Structure formats: C-alpha cells, structure tokens
Amino acid sequence: MAGSGTAHMRAEAGPVLAVDDMVVEFPVGRHQVVHAVSGLNIDLLPGETLGILGESGCGKSSAGRAIMQEPAPTAGSVLFAGEQLTGLKSRDLRRKRSKMQMIMQDPVSSLNPRRKVRDLVAEGLRIWGFDGDDMDAAIRETLTAVGLDPDSVWDRRPHELSGGQCQRVCIARALMMNPDVLICDEPVSALDVSVQAQILNLLERTKETYDLSMIFIAHDVSVVKNISDRVMVLYLGKTCEVLPSSDMHTRSVHPYTRTLIASIPGGEELASVDDPVTGPVVVDTPLVATATELPSPLNPPSGCRFRTRCPLATELCAAEEPQLREVGAGHFVACHHVAVS
C-alpha cells in the first residue's frame, strides 16, 4: 500500500486511465436491453491497483471489456494516456490498446491450443511486425520473470501445462507488449487455492517491476482487499462505494459492502460495527441482505438498485437514486442512510 506522500504525487500526476459516465447495454430481442453498466466513473492513478468488487452478474467483467473497447461502451468515454479511445479508428485503437493488456478468468481457454508457449508469448509483438534475433532472448527473460523455466515450457502447448502455468503464460504474453495498464478479470478464480496466492504475489511483483497500473476484478472480498490500493464496490452496474482497501473492514458503510464483508468467515461482527469516521449507519442490527438473488439487469429496480435486498430500504430508496458523495478522505458512498460527518 502506497504511503500518503506517494499517493499525493500520483494524484498530482493525474490518472493514466479515466472512465467518464460509461454505460454498457446489450439488446435482447426486439424490445429488451440488459443494463450491464450504468454511469460508471473511474480514475486510475499511475502505479495504482484499483479493485472492482461485486457478485457475479454485477457488471464487473462488462466494465473491464468496455474499457478495452471489446465491445465499445454504449455511451460515455474512456480516456487513456490523454487520448480518447471511444471513437478511434480501428487501427489507431489497436495500436493504443496494445498498452492496455487483459488477463482473462480462464487461462486455458484464452490460449490457442495449437500454439507452443514460445509462440503464444511472442504473439502480440509478431502481430505488430516485431521480430528478430533478440526475440527468443526476450521471451526467455519474460518467462523467467513470471516464474517459469523457459527450457521446460518452451515447446509445450496449453494442454500440457497446469492452470497456474497457463496463467503465468498469459501474464508473460501481456508483459511482452510493455503495457501501462493491466486489467485482470477474475484471474485466480479458476485456479486451485494453493496456486491463487502464487499468482497474486506474481501480479504484485510484476506491477512493481514493470511500473504498471492495474484494475483487478473479482468477487472475493479478501483477494480484492489484499491486492488493491482502492476498492470500488459495484452492484447491478452501479457504484455503491469507493474507499481505500485498508479501510474496507473498519470504515465501509454501504449496506451492500457490509453484506459482502458479512459473507466471509468472521465477517459478521465487522459488518455491523459503526464507522468511526462517518458515524453509524441508521440501524441497530447486522446488515445482511434480505434476499439472495440479484434482480434482473433487464429491469433493474428504480431508485437504489440494492433496495430490494437492503434491510434499510425505505420509500425514499425506491423514489430517488442515491448519488455518490464523499463521506471521508478518499471515501465515497451512494446511500441515503449514511450519516455524513
């Protein structure tokens, strides 16, 4: 976690990636639309890891892909390194996007099963016409950097590797492009628990070594908290809360964030503790969702989208959508029932 001085310098430098009021919708049939992401705003600072947390179906992966313009968002803008990505011509977009790499959830299916590791790692550079005598040396150096022995995996294909080895190959392939931003979409959820920690440690080392900024998308509270500098909590395409990861267990106040914390072992007490900075949420009972299923993104609830599961919901929550507001230093919440100091 960066110190306050470093954080101040990053803020002064401005965001490397800025997402403004991004909307992602998918038409279904003639008259229905899936509202995957609605009005998302992100400022990713240089060298920062922003965690995006939420249940399956909340729009996390749709947001990550829309940032990459795969597909482009329905509305809103994505500014990367000072240049607008939305609206760029195809070749200009591909060239700009080469500095934004994505690590997918399933490492095995994201690799071409017919290609050998050496070709998979070099694939991006060769697409852009880069090749030469020093290519093999660069591949070996990158494989070593992600914890693989080049000699043992050089001529192997994905089906001959473990899930953890495939994910290391995916990370190596991304690093070969010398990116500025790495978007990790559930990169450890398909791996054994024993391998997850290795990949997370690798990502942290890689971020420091290659001077990367990172967006880390996941549904696991503990994983997101441990790897991120800041956490954005997403529910049904809307931002509920944004706060420093170090404050997540002690200062989170949105009922949905508290619900997520309560779902982890030992999280019940943390989920009902009054916040020492912003004051208590107006409730005397633990904040546990009153229903287990997310509403359909085809017809999201009016007002606050979490209200159909929220133990604090009132008529105001149905009538008026809560706006994201600052309740503490670097802490933003969208809830009608949070006291502001």
Protein backbone atom coordinates (compact mmCIF):
# COMPACT_ATOMS: atom_id res chain seq x y z
CA MET A 1 0.00 0.00 0.00
CA ALA A 2 1.44 3.33 -1.01
CA GLY A 3 2.13 5.95 1.60
CA SER A 4 0.27 9.25 1.68
CA GLY A 5 3.19 11.12 0.05
CA THR A 6 3.28 8.70 -2.85
CA ALA A 7 -0.49 8.82 -3.17
CA HIS A 8 -0.35 12.63 -3.30
CA MET A 9 2.27 12.56 -6.07
CA ARG A 10 0.14 10.10 -8.05
CA ALA A 11 -2.89 12.33 -7.71
CA GLU A 12 -0.85 15.32 -8.87
CA ALA A 13 0.29 13.35 -11.93
CA GLY A 14 -3.33 12.77 -12.96
CA PRO A 15 -4.99 9.48 -13.92
CA VAL A 16 -3.45 7.19 -16.52
CA LEU A 17 -6.98 5.94 -17.28
CA ALA A 18 -10.18 7.97 -16.87
CA VAL A 19 -13.65 6.50 -17.44
CA ASP A 20 -16.47 9.03 -17.52
CA ASP A 21 -20.17 8.12 -17.19
CA MET A 22 -19.71 4.80 -19.03
CA VAL A 23 -22.83 2.88 -20.00
CA VAL A 24 -22.84 -0.69 -21.29
CA GLU A 25 -26.08 -2.15 -22.60
CA PHE A 26 -26.84 -5.25 -24.65
CA PRO A 27 -30.03 -5.56 -26.71
CA VAL A 28 -32.01 -8.75 -26.14
CA GLY A 29 -34.67 -9.48 -28.71
CA ARG A 30 -36.59 -6.52 -30.09
CA HIS A 31 -37.61 -4.52 -27.06
CA GLN A 32 -35.41 -5.52 -24.12
CA VAL A 33 -31.99 -4.29 -23.02
CA VAL A 34 -29.55 -5.72 -20.48
CA HIS A 35 -28.32 -2.81 -18.35
CA ALA A 36 -24.86 -4.20 -17.57
CA VAL A 37 -23.12 -0.97 -16.52
CA SER A 38 -24.84 2.35 -15.80
CA GLY A 39 -22.88 5.57 -15.38
CA LEU A 40 -19.52 4.20 -14.23
CA ASN A 41 -16.69 6.62 -13.39
CA ILE A 42 -13.09 5.52 -12.79
CA ASP A 43 -9.84 7.41 -12.26
CA LEU A 44 -6.87 5.02 -12.24
CA LEU A 45 -3.71 6.67 -10.96
CA PRO A 46 -0.18 5.76 -12.14
CA GLY A 47 1.12 2.78 -10.20
CA GLU A 48 -2.22 2.14 -8.51
CA THR A 49 -4.22 -1.07 -8.21
CA LEU A 50 -7.97 -0.43 -8.25
CA GLY A 51 -10.06 -3.40 -7.18
CA ILE A 52 -13.58 -3.77 -8.60
CA LEU A 53 -15.64 -5.96 -6.26
CA GLY A 54 -19.10 -7.45 -6.58
CA GLU A 55 -21.12 -10.60 -7.02
CA SER A 56 -21.37 -12.48 -10.29
CA GLY A 57 -23.69 -10.59 -12.63
CA CYS A 58 -22.98 -7.12 -11.22
CA GLY A 59 -21.26 -5.88 -14.40
CA LYS A 60 -17.58 -6.15 -13.41
CA SER A 61 -16.40 -8.05 -16.47
CA SER A 62 -18.59 -6.00 -18.81
CA ALA A 63 -16.93 -2.87 -17.44
CA GLY A 64 -13.43 -4.30 -17.96
CA ARG A 65 -14.13 -5.30 -21.54
CA ALA A 66 -15.79 -1.97 -22.34
CA ILE A 67 -12.69 -0.14 -21.09
CA MET A 68 -10.75 -2.21 -23.63
CA GLN A 69 -13.42 -1.34 -26.25
CA GLU A 70 -14.34 -5.00 -26.67
CA PRO A 71 -17.08 -4.07 -27.38
CA ALA A 72 -17.09 -0.29 -27.09
CA PRO A 73 -19.39 1.15 -24.41
CA THR A 74 -22.90 2.21 -25.38
CA ALA A 75 -22.24 5.70 -24.01
CA GLY A 76 -19.62 7.60 -22.05
CA SER A 77 -15.91 7.95 -22.64
CA VAL A 78 -12.61 6.19 -21.91
CA LEU A 79 -9.52 8.38 -21.81
CA PHE A 80 -6.19 6.54 -21.80
CA ALA A 81 -2.84 8.34 -21.58
CA GLY A 82 -4.52 11.58 -22.60
CA GLU A 83 -6.28 10.17 -25.67
CA GLN A 84 -9.93 9.33 -26.15
CA LEU A 85 -10.38 5.63 -27.05
CA THR A 86 -14.07 5.80 -27.86
CA GLY A 87 -14.47 6.76 -31.48
CA LEU A 88 -10.92 5.93 -32.61
CA LYS A 89 -10.49 4.24 -35.98
CA SER A 90 -9.81 0.52 -35.83
CA ARG A 91 -6.04 0.57 -36.44
CA ASP A 92 -5.46 3.56 -34.15
CA LEU A 93 -7.47 1.84 -31.44
CA ARG A 94 -5.49 -1.40 -31.79
CA ARG A 95 -2.21 0.46 -31.53
CA LYS A 96 -3.31 2.42 -28.46
CA ARG A 97 -4.85 -0.65 -26.88
CA SER A 98 -1.57 -2.56 -27.11
CA LYS A 99 -0.53 -0.61 -24.00
CA MET A 100 -3.61 -1.95 -22.18
CA GLN A 101 -3.48 -5.69 -21.67
CA MET A 102 -6.09 -8.01 -20.19
CA ILE A 103 -5.67 -11.18 -18.13
CA MET A 104 -8.75 -13.39 -18.50
CA GLN A 105 -10.54 -15.60 -15.97
CA ASP A 106 -9.91 -18.95 -17.68
CA PRO A 107 -6.23 -19.14 -18.64
CA VAL A 108 -6.53 -22.39 -20.58
CA SER A 109 -9.32 -21.28 -22.93
CA SER A 110 -7.65 -17.88 -23.51
CA LEU A 111 -4.62 -19.57 -25.08
CA ASN A 112 -4.60 -21.03 -28.61
CA PRO A 113 -4.38 -24.81 -28.00
CA ARG A 114 -2.38 -25.36 -31.21
CA ARG A 115 0.43 -22.95 -30.43
CA LYS A 116 3.53 -23.58 -28.38
CA VAL A 117 4.39 -21.44 -25.38
CA ARG A 118 7.19 -19.61 -27.21
CA ASP A 119 4.75 -18.55 -29.95
CA LEU A 120 1.97 -17.64 -27.51
CA VAL A 121 4.22 -15.29 -25.54
CA ALA A 122 5.55 -13.60 -28.69
CA GLU A 123 2.15 -13.43 -30.41
CA GLY A 124 1.39 -9.76 -29.67
CA LEU A 125 4.72 -8.41 -30.84
CA ARG A 126 4.69 -10.50 -34.02
CA ILE A 127 1.20 -9.23 -34.88
CA TRP A 128 2.73 -5.76 -34.93
CA GLY A 129 5.66 -6.92 -37.05
CA PHE A 130 8.33 -7.04 -34.34
CA ASP A 131 10.71 -9.97 -34.67
CA GLY A 132 14.41 -10.63 -34.83
CA ASP A 133 17.34 -12.40 -33.30
CA ASP A 134 16.68 -10.96 -29.85
CA MET A 135 13.06 -12.18 -29.72
CA ASP A 136 13.95 -15.54 -28.17
CA ALA A 137 16.03 -13.82 -25.50
CA ALA A 138 13.11 -11.51 -24.67
CA ILE A 139 10.72 -14.47 -24.45
CA ARG A 140 13.08 -16.34 -22.11
CA GLU A 141 13.55 -13.27 -19.93
CA THR A 142 9.81 -12.73 -19.61
CA LEU A 143 9.04 -16.39 -18.90
CA THR A 144 11.66 -16.32 -16.17
CA ALA A 145 10.14 -13.13 -14.76
CA VAL A 146 6.77 -14.87 -14.30
CA GLY A 147 8.32 -17.87 -12.60
CA LEU A 148 8.52 -20.36 -15.48
CA ASP A 149 11.57 -22.30 -16.63
CA PRO A 150 11.89 -21.43 -20.35
CA ASP A 151 13.59 -24.72 -21.22
CA SER A 152 10.82 -26.83 -19.65
CA VAL A 153 7.84 -25.00 -21.23
CA TRP A 154 9.34 -23.69 -24.49
CA ASP A 155 7.79 -26.28 -26.82
CA ARG A 156 4.77 -27.20 -24.73
CA ARG A 157 1.17 -26.46 -25.64
CA PRO A 158 -1.51 -25.26 -23.18
CA HIS A 159 -3.00 -28.72 -22.55
CA GLU A 160 0.40 -29.87 -21.32
CA LEU A 161 0.50 -27.20 -18.61
CA SER A 162 -1.31 -26.77 -15.30
CA GLY A 163 -3.83 -23.96 -14.81
CA GLY A 164 -1.31 -21.95 -12.84
CA GLN A 165 1.34 -22.36 -15.54
CA CYS A 166 -1.18 -21.29 -18.22
CA GLN A 167 -1.99 -18.15 -16.23
CA ARG A 168 1.73 -17.35 -15.96
CA VAL A 169 1.98 -17.72 -19.74
CA CYS A 170 -0.95 -15.29 -20.13
CA ILE A 171 0.79 -12.79 -17.86
CA ALA A 172 4.05 -13.21 -19.81
CA ARG A 173 2.21 -12.64 -23.10
CA ALA A 174 0.74 -9.42 -21.72
CA LEU A 175 4.11 -8.21 -20.39
CA MET A 176 5.79 -8.69 -23.77
CA MET A 177 3.74 -5.72 -25.01
CA ASN A 178 5.26 -3.48 -22.31
CA PRO A 179 1.82 -2.26 -21.17
CA ASP A 180 0.99 0.69 -18.95
CA VAL A 181 -2.29 -0.76 -17.68
CA LEU A 182 -3.15 -4.36 -16.83
CA ILE A 183 -6.81 -5.33 -16.46
CA CYS A 184 -7.20 -8.59 -14.54
CA ASP A 185 -10.64 -10.15 -14.90
CA GLU A 186 -11.06 -12.77 -12.13
CA PRO A 187 -7.51 -14.02 -12.79
CA VAL A 188 -7.39 -16.53 -9.93
CA SER A 189 -10.99 -17.74 -9.58
CA ALA A 190 -10.40 -20.73 -11.89
CA LEU A 191 -7.24 -21.82 -10.04
CA ASP A 192 -6.66 -24.06 -7.03
CA VAL A 193 -6.42 -22.23 -3.72
CA SER A 194 -2.76 -23.22 -3.36
CA VAL A 195 -1.97 -21.61 -6.72
CA GLN A 196 -4.04 -18.46 -6.20
CA ALA A 197 -1.60 -16.96 -3.68
CA GLN A 198 1.32 -17.58 -6.06
CA ILE A 199 -0.41 -15.77 -8.93
CA LEU A 200 -1.47 -12.87 -6.69
CA ASN A 201 2.10 -12.48 -5.41
CA LEU A 202 3.33 -12.63 -9.01
CA LEU A 203 0.92 -9.87 -10.05
CA GLU A 204 2.07 -7.65 -7.20
CA ARG A 205 5.75 -8.18 -8.05
CA THR A 206 5.02 -7.65 -11.73
CA LYS A 207 3.25 -4.37 -11.06
CA GLU A 208 6.27 -3.01 -9.20
CA THR A 209 8.88 -4.38 -11.61
CA TYR A 210 7.16 -3.20 -14.78
CA ASP A 211 5.71 0.02 -13.28
CA LEU A 212 2.13 -0.91 -14.12
CA SER A 213 -1.26 0.44 -13.12
CA MET A 214 -3.79 -2.32 -12.58
CA ILE A 215 -7.53 -2.90 -12.43
CA PHE A 216 -8.27 -6.09 -10.52
CA ILE A 217 -11.79 -7.51 -10.97
CA ALA A 218 -13.02 -10.20 -8.57
CA HIS A 219 -15.88 -11.34 -6.34
CA ASP A 220 -13.66 -12.46 -3.44
CA VAL A 221 -13.56 -9.77 -0.72
CA SER A 222 -10.28 -10.93 0.83
CA VAL A 223 -8.46 -11.18 -2.50
CA VAL A 224 -9.55 -7.72 -3.65
CA LYS A 225 -8.72 -6.13 -0.30
CA ASN A 226 -5.23 -7.63 -0.14
CA ILE A 227 -4.07 -6.76 -3.64
CA SER A 228 -5.74 -3.35 -4.14
CA ASP A 229 -4.90 0.20 -3.11
CA ARG A 230 -8.52 1.29 -3.54
CA VAL A 231 -11.71 -0.74 -3.83
CA MET A 232 -14.78 0.08 -5.92
CA VAL A 233 -17.88 -1.90 -4.94
CA LEU A 234 -20.22 -2.48 -7.88
CA TYR A 235 -23.83 -3.69 -7.71
CA LEU A 236 -26.01 -4.28 -10.76
CA GLY A 237 -23.92 -1.87 -12.85
CA LYS A 238 -23.84 0.94 -10.27
CA THR A 239 -21.05 2.07 -7.95
CA CYS A 240 -22.06 1.70 -4.30
CA GLU A 241 -18.86 2.64 -2.51
CA VAL A 242 -15.24 3.58 -3.19
CA LEU A 243 -12.65 3.60 -0.40
CA PRO A 244 -9.03 2.73 0.43
CA SER A 245 -8.60 -1.02 0.76
CA SER A 246 -7.00 -0.62 4.19
CA ASP A 247 -10.28 0.91 5.45
CA MET A 248 -12.60 -1.67 3.95
CA HIS A 249 -13.26 -3.78 7.06
CA THR A 250 -13.32 -0.88 9.51
CA ARG A 251 -14.91 2.04 7.64
CA SER A 252 -17.13 0.68 4.87
CA VAL A 253 -20.70 1.86 5.41
CA HIS A 254 -22.80 0.92 2.39
CA PRO A 255 -25.23 -1.90 3.24
CA TYR A 256 -24.06 -3.90 0.21
CA THR A 257 -20.38 -3.62 1.14
CA ARG A 258 -21.26 -4.69 4.68
CA THR A 259 -23.22 -7.62 3.24
CA LEU A 260 -20.18 -8.75 1.25
CA ILE A 261 -17.96 -8.49 4.33
CA ALA A 262 -20.50 -10.46 6.37
CA SER A 263 -20.29 -13.29 3.83
CA ILE A 264 -16.66 -14.09 4.65
CA PRO A 265 -15.65 -16.14 7.73
CA GLY A 266 -15.56 -13.88 10.78
CA GLY A 267 -17.12 -11.02 8.84
CA GLU A 268 -20.46 -10.86 10.69
CA GLU A 269 -19.17 -8.67 13.51
CA LEU A 270 -17.25 -6.39 11.14
CA ALA A 271 -20.36 -5.93 9.03
CA SER A 272 -22.38 -4.45 11.90
CA VAL A 273 -19.74 -2.19 13.50
CA ASP A 274 -20.38 1.57 13.38
CA ASP A 275 -17.95 3.50 11.24
CA PRO A 276 -15.56 5.60 13.37
CA VAL A 277 -15.28 8.40 10.80
CA THR A 278 -18.61 8.80 9.06
CA GLY A 279 -20.75 7.78 12.01
CA PRO A 280 -23.16 4.86 12.26
CA VAL A 281 -25.49 3.63 9.61
CA VAL A 282 -29.05 4.14 10.89
CA VAL A 283 -29.65 0.56 12.01
CA ASP A 284 -29.05 -1.48 15.15
CA THR A 285 -28.92 -4.91 13.53
CA PRO A 286 -26.26 -6.55 11.35
CA LEU A 287 -26.50 -5.57 7.72
CA VAL A 288 -27.37 -8.81 5.93
CA ALA A 289 -29.16 -8.89 2.59
CA THR A 290 -32.83 -9.80 2.85
CA ALA A 291 -32.71 -11.76 -0.44
CA THR A 292 -30.01 -13.83 -2.11
CA GLU A 293 -30.63 -13.25 -5.80
CA LEU A 294 -29.74 -10.15 -7.82
CA PRO A 295 -32.66 -8.52 -9.64
CA SER A 296 -32.66 -8.92 -13.40
CA PRO A 297 -30.48 -6.42 -15.28
CA LEU A 298 -33.25 -6.41 -17.89
CA ASN A 299 -35.43 -4.49 -15.45
CA PRO A 300 -33.32 -3.06 -12.60
CA PRO A 301 -35.15 -1.61 -9.59
CA SER A 302 -36.00 2.08 -9.52
CA GLY A 303 -34.06 4.38 -7.23
CA CYS A 304 -31.32 2.49 -5.41
CA ARG A 305 -30.71 -0.79 -7.21
CA PHE A 306 -29.82 -2.55 -3.95
CA ARG A 307 -33.08 -1.61 -2.25
CA THR A 308 -34.86 -4.92 -3.00
CA ARG A 309 -32.27 -6.71 -0.83
CA CYS A 310 -31.40 -3.95 1.62
CA PRO A 311 -32.55 -4.15 5.26
CA LEU A 312 -32.53 -0.32 5.43
CA ALA A 313 -34.71 0.31 2.38
CA THR A 314 -37.42 2.98 2.63
CA GLU A 315 -39.78 4.70 0.21
CA LEU A 316 -37.05 7.26 -0.48
CA CYS A 317 -34.79 4.47 -1.78
CA ALA A 318 -37.44 3.47 -4.35
CA ALA A 319 -38.23 7.01 -5.40
CA GLU A 320 -34.78 8.56 -5.66
CA GLU A 321 -31.44 7.18 -6.79
CA PRO A 322 -28.69 7.96 -4.24
CA GLN A 323 -25.74 9.87 -5.66
CA LEU A 324 -22.12 9.04 -4.91
CA ARG A 325 -20.90 11.54 -2.30
CA GLU A 326 -17.75 11.96 -0.27
CA VAL A 327 -18.10 10.94 3.39
CA GLY A 328 -14.41 10.89 4.31
CA ALA A 329 -10.94 11.26 2.83
CA GLY A 330 -10.99 9.24 -0.41
CA HIS A 331 -14.25 7.58 0.71
CA PHE A 332 -17.37 7.84 -1.44
CA VAL A 333 -20.79 6.25 -0.82
CA ALA A 334 -24.11 6.13 -2.66
CA CYS A 335 -26.67 5.58 0.10
CA HIS A 336 -29.47 7.70 1.58
CA HIS A 337 -28.95 6.24 5.07
CA VAL A 338 -25.28 7.01 5.67
CA ALA A 339 -24.54 9.82 8.11
CA VAL A 340 -22.02 12.39 6.88
CA SER A 341 -19.68 13.89 9.46
